[in-house]
Amino acid sequence: MYAIVEINGQQFKAEQGKKLFVHHIRDAKEGQAVEFEKVLLVDKDGTVEVGAPTVNGAKIVCEVLNPLVKGDKVIVFKMKRRKDYRKKNGHRAQFTEVEIKQVIA
């Protein structure tokens, strides 16, 4: 059994026991249970239920494993040749690691 859930604007395939890195969830503490109710699709042993836009009564229960994980550094380099223009910028995305405990549908 799996479900497609929307978490902070991104869609994830959620199965019980799976670990996900989602965009940083503020106010999340390690070991805290978090519920997501924007379930878009549920598959129960081949029976697919698609929401319009969400499935009624379906939710995902997760446990926060690590509230702040930093992603890989991304370098943004802009240059215009022969114009003496160079800009170097970089950033690291922040994620929250969650483990899916239960898919309720």
PDB file of N, CA and C in Angstrom:
ATOM      1  N   MET A   1       0.848  -1.179   0.000  1.00  0.00           N
ATOM      2  CA  MET A   1       0.000   0.000   0.000  1.00  0.00           C
ATOM      3  C   MET A   1       0.894   1.242   0.000  1.00  0.00           C
ATOM      4  N   TYR A   2       0.568   2.180  -0.858  1.00  0.00           N
ATOM      5  CA  TYR A   2       1.314   3.430  -0.893  1.00  0.00           C
ATOM      6  C   TYR A   2       0.356   4.574  -1.186  1.00  0.00           C
ATOM      7  N   ALA A   3       0.855   5.787  -0.990  1.00  0.00           N
ATOM      8  CA  ALA A   3       0.057   6.983  -1.240  1.00  0.00           C
ATOM      9  C   ALA A   3       0.970   8.062  -1.815  1.00  0.00           C
ATOM     10  N   ILE A   4       0.381   8.946  -2.604  1.00  0.00           N
ATOM     11  CA  ILE A   4       1.074  10.138  -3.097  1.00  0.00           C
ATOM     12  C   ILE A   4       0.587  11.299  -2.229  1.00  0.00           C
ATOM     13  N   VAL A   5       1.534  11.946  -1.561  1.00  0.00           N
ATOM     14  CA  VAL A   5       1.183  13.011  -0.616  1.00  0.00           C
ATOM     15  C   VAL A   5       1.944  14.285  -0.981  1.00  0.00           C
ATOM     16  N   GLU A   6       1.314  15.421  -0.747  1.00  0.00           N
ATOM     17  CA  GLU A   6       1.949  16.711  -0.988  1.00  0.00           C
ATOM     18  C   GLU A   6       2.431  17.275   0.339  1.00  0.00           C
ATOM     19  N   ILE A   7       3.751  17.518   0.415  1.00  0.00           N
ATOM     20  CA  ILE A   7       4.371  18.050   1.626  1.00  0.00           C
ATOM     21  C   ILE A   7       5.149  19.304   1.241  1.00  0.00           C
ATOM     22  N   ASN A   8       4.739  20.434   1.773  1.00  0.00           N
ATOM     23  CA  ASN A   8       5.404  21.724   1.513  1.00  0.00           C
ATOM     24  C   ASN A   8       5.566  22.002   0.024  1.00  0.00           C
ATOM     25  N   GLY A   9       4.542  21.702  -0.773  1.00  0.00           N
ATOM     26  CA  GLY A   9       4.563  22.032  -2.193  1.00  0.00           C
ATOM     27  C   GLY A   9       5.202  20.992  -3.081  1.00  0.00           C
ATOM     28  N   GLN A  10       5.723  19.900  -2.529  1.00  0.00           N
ATOM     29  CA  GLN A  10       6.306  18.833  -3.336  1.00  0.00           C
ATOM     30  C   GLN A  10       5.532  17.545  -3.118  1.00  0.00           C
ATOM     31  N   GLN A  11       5.498  16.704  -4.142  1.00  0.00           N
ATOM     32  CA  GLN A  11       4.786  15.433  -4.056  1.00  0.00           C
ATOM     33  C   GLN A  11       5.776  14.302  -3.810  1.00  0.00           C
ATOM     34  N   PHE A  12       5.404  13.392  -2.897  1.00  0.00           N
ATOM     35  CA  PHE A  12       6.238  12.259  -2.541  1.00  0.00           C
ATOM     36  C   PHE A  12       5.409  10.983  -2.561  1.00  0.00           C
ATOM     37  N   LYS A  13       6.079   9.877  -2.865  1.00  0.00           N
ATOM     38  CA  LYS A  13       5.452   8.559  -2.758  1.00  0.00           C
ATOM     39  C   LYS A  13       5.722   8.058  -1.348  1.00  0.00           C
ATOM     40  N   ALA A  14       4.657   7.820  -0.590  1.00  0.00           N
ATOM     41  CA  ALA A  14       4.792   7.461   0.817  1.00  0.00           C
ATOM     42  C   ALA A  14       4.416   5.999   1.024  1.00  0.00           C
ATOM     43  N   GLU A  15       5.365   5.232   1.548  1.00  0.00           N
ATOM     44  CA  GLU A  15       5.126   3.846   1.928  1.00  0.00           C
ATOM     45  C   GLU A  15       5.574   3.688   3.378  1.00  0.00           C
ATOM     46  N   GLN A  16       4.947   2.762   4.085  1.00  0.00           N
ATOM     47  CA  GLN A  16       5.273   2.565   5.489  1.00  0.00           C
ATOM     48  C   GLN A  16       6.731   2.120   5.635  1.00  0.00           C
ATOM     49  N   GLY A  17       7.465   2.779   6.545  1.00  0.00           N
ATOM     50  CA  GLY A  17       8.859   2.457   6.799  1.00  0.00           C
ATOM     51  C   GLY A  17       9.860   3.203   5.934  1.00  0.00           C
ATOM     52  N   LYS A  18       9.387   3.958   4.957  1.00  0.00           N
ATOM     53  CA  LYS A  18      10.274   4.695   4.050  1.00  0.00           C
ATOM     54  C   LYS A  18      10.726   6.004   4.694  1.00  0.00           C
ATOM     55  N   LYS A  19      11.971   6.406   4.427  1.00  0.00           N
ATOM     56  CA  LYS A  19      12.503   7.669   4.931  1.00  0.00           C
ATOM     57  C   LYS A  19      12.526   8.688   3.799  1.00  0.00           C
ATOM     58  N   LEU A  20      12.142   9.920   4.119  1.00  0.00           N
ATOM     59  CA  LEU A  20      12.080  10.990   3.125  1.00  0.00           C
ATOM     60  C   LEU A  20      12.832  12.216   3.623  1.00  0.00           C
ATOM     61  N   PHE A  21      13.410  12.954   2.689  1.00  0.00           N
ATOM     62  CA  PHE A  21      13.974  14.265   2.971  1.00  0.00           C
ATOM     63  C   PHE A  21      13.029  15.289   2.347  1.00  0.00           C
ATOM     64  N   VAL A  22      12.296  16.007   3.191  1.00  0.00           N
ATOM     65  CA  VAL A  22      11.332  17.009   2.719  1.00  0.00           C
ATOM     66  C   VAL A  22      11.884  18.392   3.026  1.00  0.00           C
ATOM     67  N   HIS A  23      11.301  19.411   2.374  1.00  0.00           N
ATOM     68  CA  HIS A  23      11.723  20.778   2.675  1.00  0.00           C
ATOM     69  C   HIS A  23      11.568  21.031   4.168  1.00  0.00           C
ATOM     70  N   HIS A  24      12.421  21.882   4.693  1.00  0.00           N
ATOM     71  CA  HIS A  24      12.501  22.132   6.134  1.00  0.00           C
ATOM     72  C   HIS A  24      11.135  22.451   6.731  1.00  0.00           C
ATOM     73  N   ILE A  25      10.794  21.732   7.791  1.00  0.00           N
ATOM     74  CA  ILE A  25       9.545  21.959   8.521  1.00  0.00           C
ATOM     75  C   ILE A  25       9.894  22.730   9.785  1.00  0.00           C
ATOM     76  N   ARG A  26       9.407  23.942   9.882  1.00  0.00           N
ATOM     77  CA  ARG A  26       9.663  24.739  11.072  1.00  0.00           C
ATOM     78  C   ARG A  26       8.906  24.142  12.249  1.00  0.00           C
ATOM     79  N   ASP A  27       9.376  24.396  13.429  1.00  0.00           N
ATOM     80  CA  ASP A  27       8.766  23.936  14.684  1.00  0.00           C
ATOM     81  C   ASP A  27       8.766  22.415  14.814  1.00  0.00           C
ATOM     82  N   ALA A  28       9.554  21.707  14.025  1.00  0.00           N
ATOM     83  CA  ALA A  28       9.639  20.253  14.148  1.00  0.00           C
ATOM     84  C   ALA A  28      10.770  19.907  15.107  1.00  0.00           C
ATOM     85  N   LYS A  29      10.469  18.968  16.002  1.00  0.00           N
ATOM     86  CA  LYS A  29      11.469  18.519  16.961  1.00  0.00           C
ATOM     87  C   LYS A  29      11.714  17.034  16.756  1.00  0.00           C
ATOM     88  N   GLU A  30      12.899  16.587  17.112  1.00  0.00           N
ATOM     89  CA  GLU A  30      13.282  15.190  16.915  1.00  0.00           C
ATOM     90  C   GLU A  30      12.363  14.274  17.731  1.00  0.00           C
ATOM     91  N   GLY A  31      11.837  13.238  17.072  1.00  0.00           N
ATOM     92  CA  GLY A  31      10.939  12.288  17.725  1.00  0.00           C
ATOM     93  C   GLY A  31       9.475  12.691  17.697  1.00  0.00           C
ATOM     94  N   GLN A  32       9.183  13.872  17.207  1.00  0.00           N
ATOM     95  CA  GLN A  32       7.807  14.374  17.156  1.00  0.00           C
ATOM     96  C   GLN A  32       7.031  13.702  16.032  1.00  0.00           C
ATOM     97  N   ALA A  33       5.753  13.438  16.255  1.00  0.00           N
ATOM     98  CA  ALA A  33       4.889  12.875  15.218  1.00  0.00           C
ATOM     99  C   ALA A  33       4.268  14.016  14.413  1.00  0.00           C
ATOM    100  N   VAL A  34       4.278  13.876  13.088  1.00  0.00           N
ATOM    101  CA  VAL A  34       3.735  14.888  12.187  1.00  0.00           C
ATOM    102  C   VAL A  34       2.739  14.201  11.262  1.00  0.00           C
ATOM    103  N   GLU A  35       1.607  14.853  11.003  1.00  0.00           N
ATOM    104  CA  GLU A  35       0.583  14.298  10.119  1.00  0.00           C
ATOM    105  C   GLU A  35       0.434  15.185   8.887  1.00  0.00           C
ATOM    106  N   PHE A  36       0.308  14.548   7.734  1.00  0.00           N
ATOM    107  CA  PHE A  36       0.064  15.249   6.476  1.00  0.00           C
ATOM    108  C   PHE A  36      -1.253  14.746   5.907  1.00  0.00           C
ATOM    109  N   GLU A  37      -2.163  15.668   5.607  1.00  0.00           N
ATOM    110  CA  GLU A  37      -3.501  15.288   5.172  1.00  0.00           C
ATOM    111  C   GLU A  37      -3.772  15.582   3.704  1.00  0.00           C
ATOM    112  N   LYS A  38      -2.798  16.126   2.984  1.00  0.00           N
ATOM    113  CA  LYS A  38      -2.968  16.397   1.556  1.00  0.00           C
ATOM    114  C   LYS A  38      -2.583  15.159   0.757  1.00  0.00           C
ATOM    115  N   VAL A  39      -3.383  14.119   0.861  1.00  0.00           N
ATOM    116  CA  VAL A  39      -3.130  12.859   0.157  1.00  0.00           C
ATOM    117  C   VAL A  39      -3.848  12.937  -1.191  1.00  0.00           C
ATOM    118  N   LEU A  40      -3.089  12.805  -2.274  1.00  0.00           N
ATOM    119  CA  LEU A  40      -3.637  12.975  -3.615  1.00  0.00           C
ATOM    120  C   LEU A  40      -4.082  11.655  -4.236  1.00  0.00           C
ATOM    121  N   LEU A  41      -3.436  10.535  -3.848  1.00  0.00           N
ATOM    122  CA  LEU A  41      -3.729   9.242  -4.445  1.00  0.00           C
ATOM    123  C   LEU A  41      -3.408   8.152  -3.428  1.00  0.00           C
ATOM    124  N   VAL A  42      -4.238   7.102  -3.398  1.00  0.00           N
ATOM    125  CA  VAL A  42      -4.000   5.969  -2.510  1.00  0.00           C
ATOM    126  C   VAL A  42      -4.126   4.692  -3.328  1.00  0.00           C
ATOM    127  N   ASP A  43      -3.158   3.775  -3.164  1.00  0.00           N
ATOM    128  CA  ASP A  43      -3.185   2.474  -3.838  1.00  0.00           C
ATOM    129  C   ASP A  43      -3.216   1.388  -2.776  1.00  0.00           C
ATOM    130  N   LYS A  44      -4.355   0.684  -2.680  1.00  0.00           N
ATOM    131  CA  LYS A  44      -4.508  -0.426  -1.739  1.00  0.00           C
ATOM    132  C   LYS A  44      -4.514  -1.724  -2.526  1.00  0.00           C
ATOM    133  N   ASP A  45      -3.356  -2.365  -2.624  1.00  0.00           N
ATOM    134  CA  ASP A  45      -3.239  -3.665  -3.294  1.00  0.00           C
ATOM    135  C   ASP A  45      -3.854  -3.667  -4.687  1.00  0.00           C
ATOM    136  N   GLY A  46      -3.568  -2.657  -5.479  1.00  0.00           N
ATOM    137  CA  GLY A  46      -4.049  -2.584  -6.852  1.00  0.00           C
ATOM    138  C   GLY A  46      -5.310  -1.768  -7.030  1.00  0.00           C
ATOM    139  N   THR A  47      -6.023  -1.451  -5.956  1.00  0.00           N
ATOM    140  CA  THR A  47      -7.210  -0.605  -6.026  1.00  0.00           C
ATOM    141  C   THR A  47      -6.776   0.840  -5.838  1.00  0.00           C
ATOM    142  N   VAL A  48      -6.856   1.622  -6.898  1.00  0.00           N
ATOM    143  CA  VAL A  48      -6.371   2.998  -6.878  1.00  0.00           C
ATOM    144  C   VAL A  48      -7.533   3.946  -6.636  1.00  0.00           C
ATOM    145  N   GLU A  49      -7.345   4.838  -5.669  1.00  0.00           N
ATOM    146  CA  GLU A  49      -8.343   5.864  -5.369  1.00  0.00           C
ATOM    147  C   GLU A  49      -7.685   7.225  -5.568  1.00  0.00           C
ATOM    148  N   VAL A  50      -8.215   7.995  -6.506  1.00  0.00           N
ATOM    149  CA  VAL A  50      -7.651   9.304  -6.829  1.00  0.00           C
ATOM    150  C   VAL A  50      -8.549  10.368  -6.226  1.00  0.00           C
ATOM    151  N   GLY A  51      -7.949  11.331  -5.557  1.00  0.00           N
ATOM    152  CA  GLY A  51      -8.706  12.407  -4.940  1.00  0.00           C
ATOM    153  C   GLY A  51      -9.024  13.508  -5.922  1.00  0.00           C
ATOM    154  N   ALA A  52     -10.015  14.313  -5.538  1.00  0.00           N
ATOM    155  CA  ALA A  52     -10.387  15.448  -6.366  1.00  0.00           C
ATOM    156  C   ALA A  52     -10.577  16.668  -5.473  1.00  0.00           C
ATOM    157  N   PRO A  53      -9.600  17.400  -5.069  1.00  0.00           N
ATOM    158  CA  PRO A  53      -8.170  17.226  -5.296  1.00  0.00           C
ATOM    159  C   PRO A  53      -7.499  16.284  -4.289  1.00  0.00           C
ATOM    160  N   THR A  54      -8.129  16.029  -3.114  1.00  0.00           N
ATOM    161  CA  THR A  54      -7.505  15.138  -2.136  1.00  0.00           C
ATOM    162  C   THR A  54      -8.454  14.002  -1.787  1.00  0.00           C
ATOM    163  N   VAL A  55      -7.912  12.936  -1.229  1.00  0.00           N
ATOM    164  CA  VAL A  55      -8.706  11.783  -0.810  1.00  0.00           C
ATOM    165  C   VAL A  55      -9.256  12.067   0.584  1.00  0.00           C
ATOM    166  N   ASN A  56     -10.569  11.915   0.752  1.00  0.00           N
ATOM    167  CA  ASN A  56     -11.211  12.203   2.035  1.00  0.00           C
ATOM    168  C   ASN A  56     -10.833  11.152   3.073  1.00  0.00           C
ATOM    169  N   GLY A  57     -10.459  11.617   4.268  1.00  0.00           N
ATOM    170  CA  GLY A  57     -10.160  10.723   5.374  1.00  0.00           C
ATOM    171  C   GLY A  57      -8.791  10.079   5.330  1.00  0.00           C
ATOM    172  N   ALA A  58      -7.985  10.377   4.328  1.00  0.00           N
ATOM    173  CA  ALA A  58      -6.652   9.780   4.214  1.00  0.00           C
ATOM    174  C   ALA A  58      -5.620  10.727   4.816  1.00  0.00           C
ATOM    175  N   LYS A  59      -4.631  10.142   5.500  1.00  0.00           N
ATOM    176  CA  LYS A  59      -3.536  10.951   6.035  1.00  0.00           C
ATOM    177  C   LYS A  59      -2.308  10.074   6.215  1.00  0.00           C
ATOM    178  N   ILE A  60      -1.172  10.742   6.338  1.00  0.00           N
ATOM    179  CA  ILE A  60       0.121  10.087   6.521  1.00  0.00           C
ATOM    180  C   ILE A  60       0.660  10.507   7.881  1.00  0.00           C
ATOM    181  N   VAL A  61       1.061   9.538   8.700  1.00  0.00           N
ATOM    182  CA  VAL A  61       1.646   9.817  10.006  1.00  0.00           C
ATOM    183  C   VAL A  61       3.144   9.559   9.914  1.00  0.00           C
ATOM    184  N   CYS A  62       3.941  10.576  10.252  1.00  0.00           N
ATOM    185  CA  CYS A  62       5.408  10.491  10.154  1.00  0.00           C
ATOM    186  C   CYS A  62       6.037  10.828  11.491  1.00  0.00           C
ATOM    187  N   GLU A  63       7.279  10.377  11.652  1.00  0.00           N
ATOM    188  CA  GLU A  63       8.080  10.738  12.815  1.00  0.00           C
ATOM    189  C   GLU A  63       9.304  11.493  12.321  1.00  0.00           C
ATOM    190  N   VAL A  64       9.625  12.595  12.968  1.00  0.00           N
ATOM    191  CA  VAL A  64      10.777  13.405  12.591  1.00  0.00           C
ATOM    192  C   VAL A  64      12.036  12.735  13.137  1.00  0.00           C
ATOM    193  N   LEU A  65      12.938  12.350  12.238  1.00  0.00           N
ATOM    194  CA  LEU A  65      14.198  11.738  12.651  1.00  0.00           C
ATOM    195  C   LEU A  65      15.270  12.788  12.887  1.00  0.00           C
ATOM    196  N   ASN A  66      15.363  13.752  11.974  1.00  0.00           N
ATOM    197  CA  ASN A  66      16.357  14.811  12.084  1.00  0.00           C
ATOM    198  C   ASN A  66      15.703  16.106  11.601  1.00  0.00           C
ATOM    199  N   PRO A  67      15.507  17.096  12.479  1.00  0.00           N
ATOM    200  CA  PRO A  67      14.764  18.292  12.078  1.00  0.00           C
ATOM    201  C   PRO A  67      15.492  19.210  11.106  1.00  0.00           C
ATOM    202  N   LEU A  68      16.835  19.142  11.048  1.00  0.00           N
ATOM    203  CA  LEU A  68      17.554  20.029  10.133  1.00  0.00           C
ATOM    204  C   LEU A  68      18.723  19.286   9.510  1.00  0.00           C
ATOM    205  N   VAL A  69      18.609  19.030   8.209  1.00  0.00           N
ATOM    206  CA  VAL A  69      19.672  18.397   7.434  1.00  0.00           C
ATOM    207  C   VAL A  69      20.021  19.355   6.315  1.00  0.00           C
ATOM    208  N   LYS A  70      21.307  19.636   6.153  1.00  0.00           N
ATOM    209  CA  LYS A  70      21.718  20.529   5.072  1.00  0.00           C
ATOM    210  C   LYS A  70      22.064  19.716   3.840  1.00  0.00           C
ATOM    211  N   GLY A  71      21.576  20.163   2.694  1.00  0.00           N
ATOM    212  CA  GLY A  71      21.853  19.490   1.435  1.00  0.00           C
ATOM    213  C   GLY A  71      23.221  19.858   0.900  1.00  0.00           C
ATOM    214  N   ASP A  72      23.530  19.350  -0.278  1.00  0.00           N
ATOM    215  CA  ASP A  72      24.801  19.651  -0.924  1.00  0.00           C
ATOM    216  C   ASP A  72      24.852  21.114  -1.336  1.00  0.00           C
ATOM    217  N   LYS A  73      26.070  21.649  -1.369  1.00  0.00           N
ATOM    218  CA  LYS A  73      26.245  23.042  -1.768  1.00  0.00           C
ATOM    219  C   LYS A  73      26.059  23.166  -3.278  1.00  0.00           C
ATOM    220  N   VAL A  74      25.299  24.175  -3.672  1.00  0.00           N
ATOM    221  CA  VAL A  74      25.046  24.457  -5.079  1.00  0.00           C
ATOM    222  C   VAL A  74      25.721  25.781  -5.404  1.00  0.00           C
ATOM    223  N   ILE A  75      26.582  25.785  -6.413  1.00  0.00           N
ATOM    224  CA  ILE A  75      27.290  26.993  -6.840  1.00  0.00           C
ATOM    225  C   ILE A  75      26.576  27.577  -8.056  1.00  0.00           C
ATOM    226  N   VAL A  76      26.276  28.870  -7.975  1.00  0.00           N
ATOM    227  CA  VAL A  76      25.655  29.594  -9.081  1.00  0.00           C
ATOM    228  C   VAL A  76      26.704  30.585  -9.591  1.00  0.00           C
ATOM    229  N   PHE A  77      27.129  30.437 -10.843  1.00  0.00           N
ATOM    230  CA  PHE A  77      28.170  31.296 -11.411  1.00  0.00           C
ATOM    231  C   PHE A  77      27.627  31.943 -12.673  1.00  0.00           C
ATOM    232  N   LYS A  78      27.622  33.272 -12.696  1.00  0.00           N
ATOM    233  CA  LYS A  78      27.168  34.025 -13.864  1.00  0.00           C
ATOM    234  C   LYS A  78      28.346  34.774 -14.455  1.00  0.00           C
ATOM    235  N   MET A  79      28.415  34.786 -15.785  1.00  0.00           N
ATOM    236  CA  MET A  79      29.535  35.458 -16.437  1.00  0.00           C
ATOM    237  C   MET A  79      29.095  35.928 -17.813  1.00  0.00           C
ATOM    238  N   LYS A  80      29.565  37.126 -18.176  1.00  0.00           N
ATOM    239  CA  LYS A  80      29.366  37.616 -19.537  1.00  0.00           C
ATOM    240  C   LYS A  80      30.751  37.858 -20.121  1.00  0.00           C
ATOM    241  N   ARG A  81      31.019  37.186 -21.189  1.00  0.00           N
ATOM    242  CA  ARG A  81      32.372  37.271 -21.733  1.00  0.00           C
ATOM    243  C   ARG A  81      32.675  38.670 -22.273  1.00  0.00           C
ATOM    244  N   ARG A  82      33.915  39.045 -22.133  1.00  0.00           N
ATOM    245  CA  ARG A  82      34.464  40.329 -22.589  1.00  0.00           C
ATOM    246  C   ARG A  82      33.795  41.538 -21.927  1.00  0.00           C
ATOM    247  N   LYS A  83      33.060  41.372 -20.871  1.00  0.00           N
ATOM    248  CA  LYS A  83      32.382  42.495 -20.220  1.00  0.00           C
ATOM    249  C   LYS A  83      32.848  42.695 -18.780  1.00  0.00           C
ATOM    250  N   ASP A  84      33.803  41.892 -18.332  1.00  0.00           N
ATOM    251  CA  ASP A  84      34.322  41.974 -16.971  1.00  0.00           C
ATOM    252  C   ASP A  84      33.189  41.824 -15.945  1.00  0.00           C
ATOM    253  N   TYR A  85      32.289  40.882 -16.214  1.00  0.00           N
ATOM    254  CA  TYR A  85      31.152  40.639 -15.325  1.00  0.00           C
ATOM    255  C   TYR A  85      31.205  39.194 -14.840  1.00  0.00           C
ATOM    256  N   ARG A  86      31.387  39.025 -13.550  1.00  0.00           N
ATOM    257  CA  ARG A  86      31.384  37.695 -12.941  1.00  0.00           C
ATOM    258  C   ARG A  86      30.704  37.777 -11.584  1.00  0.00           C
ATOM    259  N   LYS A  87      29.786  36.873 -11.335  1.00  0.00           N
ATOM    260  CA  LYS A  87      29.109  36.785 -10.041  1.00  0.00           C
ATOM    261  C   LYS A  87      29.149  35.332  -9.597  1.00  0.00           C
ATOM    262  N   LYS A  88      29.605  35.112  -8.388  1.00  0.00           N
ATOM    263  CA  LYS A  88      29.623  33.764  -7.830  1.00  0.00           C
ATOM    264  C   LYS A  88      28.764  33.772  -6.578  1.00  0.00           C
ATOM    265  N   ASN A  89      27.828  32.862  -6.534  1.00  0.00           N
ATOM    266  CA  ASN A  89      26.905  32.774  -5.415  1.00  0.00           C
ATOM    267  C   ASN A  89      26.669  31.305  -5.134  1.00  0.00           C
ATOM    268  N   GLY A  90      26.280  30.978  -3.935  1.00  0.00           N
ATOM    269  CA  GLY A  90      26.009  29.586  -3.604  1.00  0.00           C
ATOM    270  C   GLY A  90      25.001  29.486  -2.476  1.00  0.00           C
ATOM    271  N   HIS A  91      24.429  28.315  -2.329  1.00  0.00           N
ATOM    272  CA  HIS A  91      23.488  28.093  -1.233  1.00  0.00           C
ATOM    273  C   HIS A  91      23.414  26.604  -0.915  1.00  0.00           C
ATOM    274  N   ARG A  92      22.918  26.298   0.268  1.00  0.00           N
ATOM    275  CA  ARG A  92      22.674  24.923   0.686  1.00  0.00           C
ATOM    276  C   ARG A  92      21.225  24.834   1.129  1.00  0.00           C
ATOM    277  N   ALA A  93      20.486  23.916   0.536  1.00  0.00           N
ATOM    278  CA  ALA A  93      19.079  23.736   0.887  1.00  0.00           C
ATOM    279  C   ALA A  93      18.967  23.072   2.253  1.00  0.00           C
ATOM    280  N   GLN A  94      17.900  23.389   2.980  1.00  0.00           N
ATOM    281  CA  GLN A  94      17.665  22.797   4.293  1.00  0.00           C
ATOM    282  C   GLN A  94      16.502  21.822   4.198  1.00  0.00           C
ATOM    283  N   PHE A  95      16.694  20.638   4.772  1.00  0.00           N
ATOM    284  CA  PHE A  95      15.692  19.589   4.717  1.00  0.00           C
ATOM    285  C   PHE A  95      15.370  19.093   6.124  1.00  0.00           C
ATOM    286  N   THR A  96      14.264  18.359   6.234  1.00  0.00           N
ATOM    287  CA  THR A  96      13.895  17.645   7.447  1.00  0.00           C
ATOM    288  C   THR A  96      13.754  16.179   7.069  1.00  0.00           C
ATOM    289  N   GLU A  97      14.387  15.306   7.826  1.00  0.00           N
ATOM    290  CA  GLU A  97      14.302  13.871   7.548  1.00  0.00           C
ATOM    291  C   GLU A  97      13.151  13.282   8.357  1.00  0.00           C
ATOM    292  N   VAL A  98      12.210  12.638   7.669  1.00  0.00           N
ATOM    293  CA  VAL A  98      11.062  12.008   8.325  1.00  0.00           C
ATOM    294  C   VAL A  98      10.975  10.546   7.921  1.00  0.00           C
ATOM    295  N   GLU A  99      10.413   9.738   8.816  1.00  0.00           N
ATOM    296  CA  GLU A  99      10.152   8.333   8.524  1.00  0.00           C
ATOM    297  C   GLU A  99       8.646   8.123   8.580  1.00  0.00           C
ATOM    298  N   ILE A 100       8.104   7.457   7.581  1.00  0.00           N
ATOM    299  CA  ILE A 100       6.666   7.240   7.507  1.00  0.00           C
ATOM    300  C   ILE A 100       6.307   6.056   8.384  1.00  0.00           C
ATOM    301  N   LYS A 101       5.459   6.317   9.371  1.00  0.00           N
ATOM    302  CA  LYS A 101       5.048   5.282  10.316  1.00  0.00           C
ATOM    303  C   LYS A 101       3.773   4.577   9.866  1.00  0.00           C
ATOM    304  N   GLN A 102       2.849   5.346   9.272  1.00  0.00           N
ATOM    305  CA  GLN A 102       1.548   4.773   8.969  1.00  0.00           C
ATOM    306  C   GLN A 102       0.888   5.518   7.812  1.00  0.00           C
ATOM    307  N   VAL A 103       0.251   4.752   6.928  1.00  0.00           N
ATOM    308  CA  VAL A 103      -0.556   5.326   5.854  1.00  0.00           C
ATOM    309  C   VAL A 103      -1.999   4.968   6.154  1.00  0.00           C
ATOM    310  N   ILE A 104      -2.808   5.979   6.478  1.00  0.00           N
ATOM    311  CA  ILE A 104      -4.207   5.763   6.843  1.00  0.00           C
ATOM    312  C   ILE A 104      -5.074   6.165   5.665  1.00  0.00           C
ATOM    313  N   ALA A 105      -5.871   5.211   5.174  1.00  0.00           N
ATOM    314  CA  ALA A 105      -6.745   5.503   4.029  1.00  0.00           C
ATOM    315  C   ALA A 105      -8.092   4.831   4.203  1.00  0.00           C
TER     316      ALA A 105
END
